[in-house]
């Protein structure tokens, strides 16, 4: 039996990486806008879009975590209370 540690996002890893590369491009674009002295409201619009994209990544990670790491099949057999506490902690980190 293979006990290689995998995380809940393993199945979505490529999609998450693709989103993060897109966000990285957005951040470079924002830096270029500042460098080129673009209108601040336009920059703020792009910052908002990048934050929303990061939020979507975070939500996907939390969903994957809940589905995989907190499932009843978890080999660590923690109590429901421990799993609920871990999920609440993960959500609070996101907020």
Protein backbone atom coordinates (compact mmCIF):
# COMPACT_ATOMS: atom_id res chain seq x y z
CA UNK A 1 0.00 0.00 0.00
CA UNK A 2 1.37 3.40 -0.99
CA UNK A 3 1.34 5.84 1.95
CA UNK A 4 2.66 8.78 -0.06
CA UNK A 5 1.11 11.87 1.42
CA UNK A 6 -1.34 13.57 -0.90
CA UNK A 7 -3.46 16.58 -0.21
CA UNK A 8 -7.06 17.23 -1.10
CA UNK A 9 -6.15 19.45 -4.03
CA UNK A 10 -4.14 16.69 -5.75
CA UNK A 11 -6.91 16.03 -8.29
CA UNK A 12 -7.25 19.76 -9.07
CA UNK A 13 -3.56 20.64 -8.82
CA UNK A 14 -3.10 21.51 -12.51
CA UNK A 15 -6.24 23.67 -12.59
CA UNK A 16 -5.15 25.47 -9.41
CA UNK A 17 -1.67 26.06 -10.83
CA UNK A 18 -3.20 27.43 -14.03
CA UNK A 19 -5.36 29.85 -12.04
CA UNK A 20 -2.38 30.94 -9.96
CA UNK A 21 -0.31 31.62 -13.08
CA UNK A 22 -3.17 33.74 -14.41
CA UNK A 23 -3.27 35.66 -11.10
CA UNK A 24 0.49 36.09 -11.28
CA UNK A 25 0.00 37.68 -14.70
CA UNK A 26 -2.69 39.94 -13.28
CA UNK A 27 -0.30 41.07 -10.53
CA UNK A 28 2.41 41.85 -13.09
CA UNK A 29 -0.18 43.79 -15.08
CA UNK A 30 -1.13 45.81 -12.01
CA UNK A 31 2.54 46.59 -11.33
CA UNK A 32 2.92 47.76 -14.93
CA UNK A 33 -0.17 49.97 -14.58
CA UNK A 34 1.39 51.64 -11.53
CA UNK A 35 4.71 52.00 -13.33
CA UNK A 36 2.91 53.66 -16.25
CA UNK A 37 0.97 56.00 -13.93
CA UNK A 38 -2.45 54.69 -14.95
CA UNK A 39 -5.64 56.05 -13.42
CA UNK A 40 -5.99 54.82 -9.82
CA UNK A 41 -9.60 53.65 -10.22
CA UNK A 42 -8.53 51.45 -13.13
CA UNK A 43 -5.74 49.99 -10.99
CA UNK A 44 -8.16 49.37 -8.12
CA UNK A 45 -10.48 47.55 -10.51
CA UNK A 46 -7.65 45.21 -11.44
CA UNK A 47 -6.66 44.73 -7.79
CA UNK A 48 -10.26 43.78 -7.04
CA UNK A 49 -10.27 41.27 -9.90
CA UNK A 50 -7.02 39.69 -8.66
CA UNK A 51 -8.40 39.44 -5.12
CA UNK A 52 -11.56 37.78 -6.42
CA UNK A 53 -9.47 35.29 -8.38
CA UNK A 54 -7.43 34.46 -5.26
CA UNK A 55 -10.65 34.04 -3.29
CA UNK A 56 -11.84 31.50 -5.86
CA UNK A 57 -8.60 29.54 -5.46
CA UNK A 58 -9.03 29.62 -1.68
CA UNK A 59 -12.62 28.37 -1.90
CA UNK A 60 -11.53 25.52 -4.18
CA UNK A 61 -8.79 24.56 -1.73
CA UNK A 62 -11.24 24.58 1.16
CA UNK A 63 -13.71 22.44 -0.80
CA UNK A 64 -10.95 20.00 -1.67
CA UNK A 65 -9.77 19.97 1.94
CA UNK A 66 -13.27 19.26 3.23
CA UNK A 67 -13.84 16.56 0.64
CA UNK A 68 -10.49 14.79 1.10
CA UNK A 69 -8.83 15.64 4.38
CA UNK A 70 -11.95 15.76 6.51
CA UNK A 71 -13.79 12.81 4.99
CA UNK A 72 -14.84 9.78 7.00
CA UNK A 73 -12.13 7.82 5.18
CA UNK A 74 -9.41 9.95 6.76
CA UNK A 75 -6.68 7.61 7.98
CA UNK A 76 -6.06 9.81 11.01
CA UNK A 77 -9.58 9.01 12.35
CA UNK A 78 -10.14 12.28 14.15
CA UNK A 79 -13.40 13.17 15.85
CA UNK A 80 -16.09 15.15 14.06
CA UNK A 81 -15.40 18.00 16.48
CA UNK A 82 -11.70 18.02 15.55
CA UNK A 83 -12.55 17.99 11.85
CA UNK A 84 -15.08 20.81 12.27
CA UNK A 85 -12.50 22.83 14.21
CA UNK A 86 -9.91 22.29 11.48
CA UNK A 87 -12.36 23.39 8.77
CA UNK A 88 -13.34 26.49 10.77
CA UNK A 89 -9.64 27.31 11.22
CA UNK A 90 -9.02 26.94 7.48
CA UNK A 91 -11.94 29.24 6.69
CA UNK A 92 -10.80 31.81 9.27
CA UNK A 93 -7.33 31.83 7.67
CA UNK A 94 -8.96 32.63 4.34
CA UNK A 95 -10.96 35.50 5.79
